[in-house]
């Protein structure tokens, strides 16, 4: 009886520890997103003088990104990946805010508005990508049952295209969701909060992240980041149906990040092979020796988790 009680207490202590570490790593992964939303909230009350709020948000977002780079909390390689989402998001914003579409709008003035969209808007999409990339590193994410590359990228392209085409040929999101669920039916995402390895179905992860982005969207619209047509007379809760849209956007971000991770693996393997070739030729330097060992460690780690 005493041994059983001790095991139960130890198990609960381990679960509590992992839960705390999970929360800490989530906070670490959300540094850019959390910092950006904090700036967004503060901008409602900061005395900005003649500086339009949208322009202040752009400068603050650039400053926040520079700070994370300076503190080495993000790398230039990660920033380059995040920039891709910035561009994809901005293109979507330009289309969605066009008067002929009118999905939402940015009614405030700003010097840095291009085609009706403030340049800071791209950082909101970049925040999603930043979270994905940071979480991948912090939780040592691994995938099992992941679809073939010939499926993942066309699916991401189809989901992104539907955000545009559904205004003209009908919304295919539920068909895309059905395809997504089928292709990812065996896929699990594995993560490590502290030492113990956990997993969850990949589709569930998409929905959970999409839900929390929807919560963040409600906060953002409350502070005037953008305005939906039904919010011009006053703020109201964003329709829950947006959760599916955000979940699909999460899918796009995840699939692209996963492909970037695969590309990184291939590059590391190539570097490893070159290091071995140098070693076999007898021309190996100390730095090359370290590089070969480093590549071995990294590749072993990545392969064990993907």
Protein backbone atom coordinates (compact mmCIF):
# COMPACT_ATOMS: atom_id res chain seq x y z
CA UNK A 1 0.00 0.00 0.00
CA UNK A 2 2.83 2.38 0.93
CA UNK A 3 4.77 1.56 -2.27
CA UNK A 4 1.65 2.16 -4.35
CA UNK A 5 1.05 5.51 -2.67
CA UNK A 6 4.68 6.52 -3.25
CA UNK A 7 4.40 5.63 -6.94
CA UNK A 8 1.20 7.68 -7.26
CA UNK A 9 2.82 10.67 -5.56
CA UNK A 10 5.91 10.37 -7.76
CA UNK A 11 3.78 10.13 -10.89
CA UNK A 12 1.76 13.21 -9.91
CA UNK A 13 4.96 15.09 -9.13
CA UNK A 14 6.35 14.15 -12.54
CA UNK A 15 3.12 15.24 -14.25
CA UNK A 16 3.15 18.56 -12.39
CA UNK A 17 6.78 19.14 -13.32
CA UNK A 18 6.13 18.38 -16.98
CA UNK A 19 3.06 20.65 -16.96
CA UNK A 20 5.12 23.53 -15.55
CA UNK A 21 7.89 22.97 -18.09
CA UNK A 22 5.30 22.74 -20.86
CA UNK A 23 3.96 26.15 -19.85
CA UNK A 24 7.44 27.66 -19.63
CA UNK A 25 8.39 26.37 -23.07
CA UNK A 26 5.11 27.65 -24.51
CA UNK A 27 5.93 31.10 -23.13
CA UNK A 28 9.42 30.84 -24.61
CA UNK A 29 7.97 29.85 -27.99
CA UNK A 30 5.53 32.79 -27.90
CA UNK A 31 8.11 35.51 -27.19
CA UNK A 32 7.59 37.32 -30.48
CA UNK A 33 3.82 36.75 -30.61
CA UNK A 34 3.34 37.69 -26.95
CA UNK A 35 5.58 40.74 -27.22
CA UNK A 36 3.76 41.89 -30.35
CA UNK A 37 0.34 41.61 -28.74
CA UNK A 38 1.59 43.42 -25.64
CA UNK A 39 2.78 46.27 -27.87
CA UNK A 40 -0.58 46.23 -29.65
CA UNK A 41 -2.45 46.58 -26.36
CA UNK A 42 -0.18 49.34 -25.05
CA UNK A 43 -0.47 51.30 -28.30
CA UNK A 44 -4.08 52.14 -27.43
CA UNK A 45 -2.94 54.32 -24.53
CA UNK A 46 0.59 55.42 -25.38
CA UNK A 47 0.94 59.11 -26.27
CA UNK A 48 2.25 58.78 -29.83
CA UNK A 49 1.91 62.43 -30.84
CA UNK A 50 1.75 62.80 -34.61
CA UNK A 51 2.99 59.27 -35.23
CA UNK A 52 0.12 57.10 -36.56
CA UNK A 53 -0.47 54.01 -34.47
CA UNK A 54 -0.05 51.64 -37.42
CA UNK A 55 3.41 53.11 -38.09
CA UNK A 56 4.34 52.80 -34.42
CA UNK A 57 3.32 49.13 -34.50
CA UNK A 58 5.55 48.53 -37.53
CA UNK A 59 8.55 50.18 -35.88
CA UNK A 60 7.89 48.33 -32.63
CA UNK A 61 7.60 44.96 -34.43
CA UNK A 62 10.91 45.55 -36.24
CA UNK A 63 12.50 46.58 -32.95
CA UNK A 64 11.17 43.48 -31.20
CA UNK A 65 12.53 41.25 -33.96
CA UNK A 66 15.91 42.98 -33.76
CA UNK A 67 15.94 42.56 -29.97
CA UNK A 68 15.31 38.81 -30.22
CA UNK A 69 18.13 38.52 -32.74
CA UNK A 70 20.49 40.54 -30.55
CA UNK A 71 19.65 38.37 -27.53
CA UNK A 72 20.18 35.29 -29.73
CA UNK A 73 16.69 34.06 -28.95
CA UNK A 74 16.12 33.77 -32.70
CA UNK A 75 18.56 33.10 -35.51
CA UNK A 76 18.92 34.71 -38.92
CA UNK A 77 17.92 31.41 -40.51
CA UNK A 78 14.69 31.45 -38.50
CA UNK A 79 14.04 35.07 -39.41
CA UNK A 80 14.42 34.25 -43.11
CA UNK A 81 11.83 31.49 -42.71
CA UNK A 82 9.50 33.80 -40.79
CA UNK A 83 9.83 36.42 -43.55
CA UNK A 84 8.23 33.97 -45.98
CA UNK A 85 5.08 33.95 -43.84
CA UNK A 86 5.21 37.72 -43.60
CA UNK A 87 5.00 37.91 -47.40
CA UNK A 88 2.28 35.25 -47.70
CA UNK A 89 0.24 36.98 -45.00
CA UNK A 90 0.63 40.43 -46.53
CA UNK A 91 -0.50 39.17 -49.94
CA UNK A 92 -3.60 37.67 -48.30
CA UNK A 93 -4.24 40.94 -46.44
CA UNK A 94 -4.11 43.00 -49.63
CA UNK A 95 -6.67 40.73 -51.26
CA UNK A 96 -9.00 40.44 -48.26
CA UNK A 97 -9.10 44.18 -47.56
CA UNK A 98 -9.76 45.19 -51.16
CA UNK A 99 -13.06 47.11 -51.36
CA UNK A 100 -14.48 44.48 -53.72
CA UNK A 101 -13.88 41.78 -51.08
CA UNK A 102 -14.11 43.70 -47.80
CA UNK A 103 -13.47 40.80 -45.41
CA UNK A 104 -11.95 43.24 -42.90
CA UNK A 105 -10.33 46.67 -42.92
CA UNK A 106 -7.73 48.94 -41.37
CA UNK A 107 -9.61 52.21 -40.89
CA UNK A 108 -6.87 54.22 -39.17
CA UNK A 109 -4.41 56.45 -41.01
CA UNK A 110 -0.80 55.49 -41.55
CA UNK A 111 2.21 56.46 -43.64
CA UNK A 112 3.24 52.83 -44.07
CA UNK A 113 -0.01 51.55 -45.56
CA UNK A 114 0.44 49.85 -48.93
CA UNK A 115 -2.68 49.09 -50.98
CA UNK A 116 -4.74 49.81 -47.88
CA UNK A 117 -2.81 47.46 -45.62
CA UNK A 118 -0.38 48.66 -42.92
CA UNK A 119 2.97 46.91 -43.24
CA UNK A 120 2.83 45.76 -39.64
CA UNK A 121 0.00 43.37 -40.61
CA UNK A 122 2.47 40.86 -42.04
CA UNK A 123 4.05 40.51 -38.60
CA UNK A 124 0.81 38.97 -37.28
CA UNK A 125 1.29 36.05 -39.66
CA UNK A 126 5.01 36.03 -38.94
CA UNK A 127 4.10 35.62 -35.25
CA UNK A 128 2.37 32.31 -36.06
CA UNK A 129 5.44 31.10 -37.96
CA UNK A 130 7.73 32.27 -35.17
CA UNK A 131 5.74 30.21 -32.68
CA UNK A 132 5.92 27.14 -34.92
CA UNK A 133 9.66 27.39 -35.41
CA UNK A 134 10.40 28.10 -31.76
CA UNK A 135 8.09 25.32 -30.53
CA UNK A 136 9.78 22.88 -32.91
CA UNK A 137 13.11 23.66 -31.27
CA UNK A 138 11.94 24.05 -27.67
CA UNK A 139 9.86 20.86 -27.55
CA UNK A 140 12.16 18.86 -29.85
CA UNK A 141 9.17 18.08 -32.02
CA UNK A 142 9.09 14.82 -33.92
CA UNK A 143 6.58 13.40 -36.37
CA UNK A 144 5.46 9.87 -37.09
CA UNK A 145 3.05 8.89 -39.85
CA UNK A 146 3.74 12.15 -41.68
CA UNK A 147 2.33 12.27 -45.25
CA UNK A 148 4.65 12.07 -48.23
CA UNK A 149 6.19 15.29 -49.52
CA UNK A 150 4.15 14.99 -52.71
CA UNK A 151 1.00 15.35 -50.59
CA UNK A 152 1.96 17.93 -47.98
CA UNK A 153 3.04 20.81 -50.23
CA UNK A 154 0.12 20.58 -52.72
CA UNK A 155 -2.23 20.48 -49.73
CA UNK A 156 -0.67 23.65 -48.30
CA UNK A 157 -0.95 25.36 -51.69
CA UNK A 158 -4.59 24.28 -52.03
CA UNK A 159 -5.51 25.59 -48.56
CA UNK A 160 -3.79 28.93 -49.23
CA UNK A 161 -5.43 29.27 -52.64
CA UNK A 162 -8.87 28.61 -51.14
CA UNK A 163 -8.56 31.77 -49.02
CA UNK A 164 -8.66 33.63 -52.35
CA UNK A 165 -10.78 31.47 -54.64
CA UNK A 166 -13.70 30.86 -52.27
CA UNK A 167 -14.92 34.37 -53.12
CA UNK A 168 -15.42 33.28 -56.73
CA UNK A 169 -15.92 29.50 -57.00
CA UNK A 170 -17.25 28.55 -53.57
CA UNK A 171 -15.61 27.60 -50.30
CA UNK A 172 -13.79 24.26 -50.48
CA UNK A 173 -12.52 24.34 -46.90
CA UNK A 174 -14.57 21.35 -45.74
CA UNK A 175 -13.33 19.28 -48.66
CA UNK A 176 -9.79 20.36 -47.82
CA UNK A 177 -10.36 19.54 -44.16
CA UNK A 178 -11.61 16.06 -45.14
CA UNK A 179 -8.49 15.50 -47.25
CA UNK A 180 -6.34 16.83 -44.42
CA UNK A 181 -7.90 14.50 -41.84
CA UNK A 182 -7.46 11.51 -44.13
CA UNK A 183 -3.84 12.27 -44.98
CA UNK A 184 -2.93 12.97 -41.34
CA UNK A 185 -5.04 10.20 -39.79
CA UNK A 186 -1.91 8.30 -38.68
CA UNK A 187 0.25 11.34 -37.99
CA UNK A 188 1.35 12.05 -34.44
CA UNK A 189 3.39 14.95 -33.12
CA UNK A 190 5.82 13.98 -30.36
CA UNK A 191 7.12 16.56 -27.89
CA UNK A 192 9.23 16.74 -24.75
CA UNK A 193 8.29 19.27 -22.04
CA UNK A 194 11.11 18.12 -19.74
CA UNK A 195 12.36 14.54 -20.09
CA UNK A 196 9.31 12.38 -20.73
CA UNK A 197 8.14 12.10 -24.34
CA UNK A 198 4.45 12.77 -25.10
CA UNK A 199 2.39 12.71 -28.27
CA UNK A 200 -0.95 13.86 -29.66
CA UNK A 201 -2.76 13.42 -32.97
CA UNK A 202 -1.57 16.04 -35.43
CA UNK A 203 -5.10 17.18 -36.45
CA UNK A 204 -5.90 17.86 -32.78
CA UNK A 205 -2.77 20.02 -32.52
CA UNK A 206 -3.92 22.03 -35.56
CA UNK A 207 -7.32 22.70 -33.97
CA UNK A 208 -5.91 23.60 -30.56
CA UNK A 209 -3.44 26.10 -32.00
CA UNK A 210 -6.18 27.50 -34.26
CA UNK A 211 -8.44 27.98 -31.22
CA UNK A 212 -5.82 29.92 -29.29
CA UNK A 213 -5.11 32.11 -32.33
CA UNK A 214 -8.85 32.82 -32.48
CA UNK A 215 -8.67 33.90 -28.84
CA UNK A 216 -5.72 36.14 -29.72
CA UNK A 217 -7.69 37.49 -32.70
CA UNK A 218 -10.49 38.58 -30.38
CA UNK A 219 -7.95 40.39 -28.23
CA UNK A 220 -6.37 41.98 -31.31
CA UNK A 221 -9.68 43.25 -32.70
CA UNK A 222 -10.65 44.55 -29.27
CA UNK A 223 -7.54 46.73 -29.34
CA UNK A 224 -8.22 47.80 -32.94
CA UNK A 225 -5.57 45.83 -34.82
CA UNK A 226 -8.14 45.45 -37.59
CA UNK A 227 -11.92 45.67 -37.87
CA UNK A 228 -14.43 43.18 -39.23
CA UNK A 229 -17.55 44.54 -40.96
CA UNK A 230 -19.74 43.75 -37.94
CA UNK A 231 -17.40 45.57 -35.56
CA UNK A 232 -17.60 49.11 -36.98
CA UNK A 233 -20.40 50.07 -34.59
CA UNK A 234 -18.54 48.52 -31.65
CA UNK A 235 -16.45 45.50 -30.76
CA UNK A 236 -18.07 42.09 -30.67
CA UNK A 237 -16.80 38.53 -30.44
CA UNK A 238 -15.32 37.20 -33.66
CA UNK A 239 -17.50 34.43 -35.08
CA UNK A 240 -16.43 31.00 -33.87
CA UNK A 241 -16.32 29.81 -37.49
CA UNK A 242 -13.01 31.68 -37.80
CA UNK A 243 -11.44 28.87 -35.76
CA UNK A 244 -11.54 26.65 -38.85
CA UNK A 245 -9.86 29.38 -40.91
CA UNK A 246 -7.10 29.85 -38.37
CA UNK A 247 -6.64 26.09 -38.03
CA UNK A 248 -6.14 25.87 -41.79
CA UNK A 249 -3.67 28.75 -41.65
CA UNK A 250 -1.82 26.82 -38.93
CA UNK A 251 -1.71 23.83 -41.28
CA UNK A 252 -0.04 25.98 -43.96
CA UNK A 253 2.52 27.27 -41.47
CA UNK A 254 3.21 23.82 -40.09
CA UNK A 255 3.60 22.14 -43.48
CA UNK A 256 6.02 24.80 -44.69
CA UNK A 257 8.03 24.67 -41.45
CA UNK A 258 8.13 20.87 -41.69
CA UNK A 259 9.46 21.07 -45.25
CA UNK A 260 12.06 23.63 -44.15
CA UNK A 261 13.12 21.23 -41.41
CA UNK A 262 13.49 18.47 -44.00
CA UNK A 263 15.59 20.80 -46.14
CA UNK A 264 17.77 21.56 -43.13
CA UNK A 265 18.23 17.84 -42.50
CA UNK A 266 19.36 17.30 -46.09
CA UNK A 267 21.83 20.17 -45.79
CA UNK A 268 23.25 18.75 -42.54
CA UNK A 269 23.62 15.31 -44.13
CA UNK A 270 25.46 16.85 -47.07
CA UNK A 271 27.78 18.74 -44.72
CA UNK A 272 28.36 15.50 -42.82
CA UNK A 273 29.24 13.62 -45.99
CA UNK A 274 31.68 16.36 -47.03
CA UNK A 275 33.29 16.23 -43.58
CA UNK A 276 33.71 12.47 -43.89
CA UNK A 277 35.20 12.86 -47.35
CA UNK A 278 37.70 15.39 -46.01
CA UNK A 279 38.56 13.04 -43.16
CA UNK A 280 39.21 10.12 -45.48
CA UNK A 281 41.53 12.24 -47.63
CA UNK A 282 43.70 12.99 -44.60
CA UNK A 283 43.24 16.76 -44.89
CA UNK A 284 41.06 17.21 -41.86
CA UNK A 285 41.50 20.31 -39.67
CA UNK A 286 40.43 20.76 -36.07
CA UNK A 287 37.45 22.88 -37.08
CA UNK A 288 36.40 20.27 -39.62
CA UNK A 289 36.70 17.58 -36.96
CA UNK A 290 34.40 19.56 -34.72
CA UNK A 291 32.03 20.16 -37.64
CA UNK A 292 31.84 16.45 -38.42
CA UNK A 293 31.12 15.58 -34.80
CA UNK A 294 28.54 18.38 -34.58
CA UNK A 295 26.84 17.18 -37.77
CA UNK A 296 26.79 13.62 -36.42
CA UNK A 297 25.15 14.77 -33.18
CA UNK A 298 22.58 16.97 -34.90
CA UNK A 299 21.66 14.45 -37.59
CA UNK A 300 21.31 11.70 -35.00
CA UNK A 301 19.05 13.92 -32.95
CA UNK A 302 16.91 14.99 -35.91
CA UNK A 303 16.58 11.50 -37.37
CA UNK A 304 15.48 10.09 -34.02
CA UNK A 305 12.68 12.64 -33.78
CA UNK A 306 11.27 12.93 -37.32
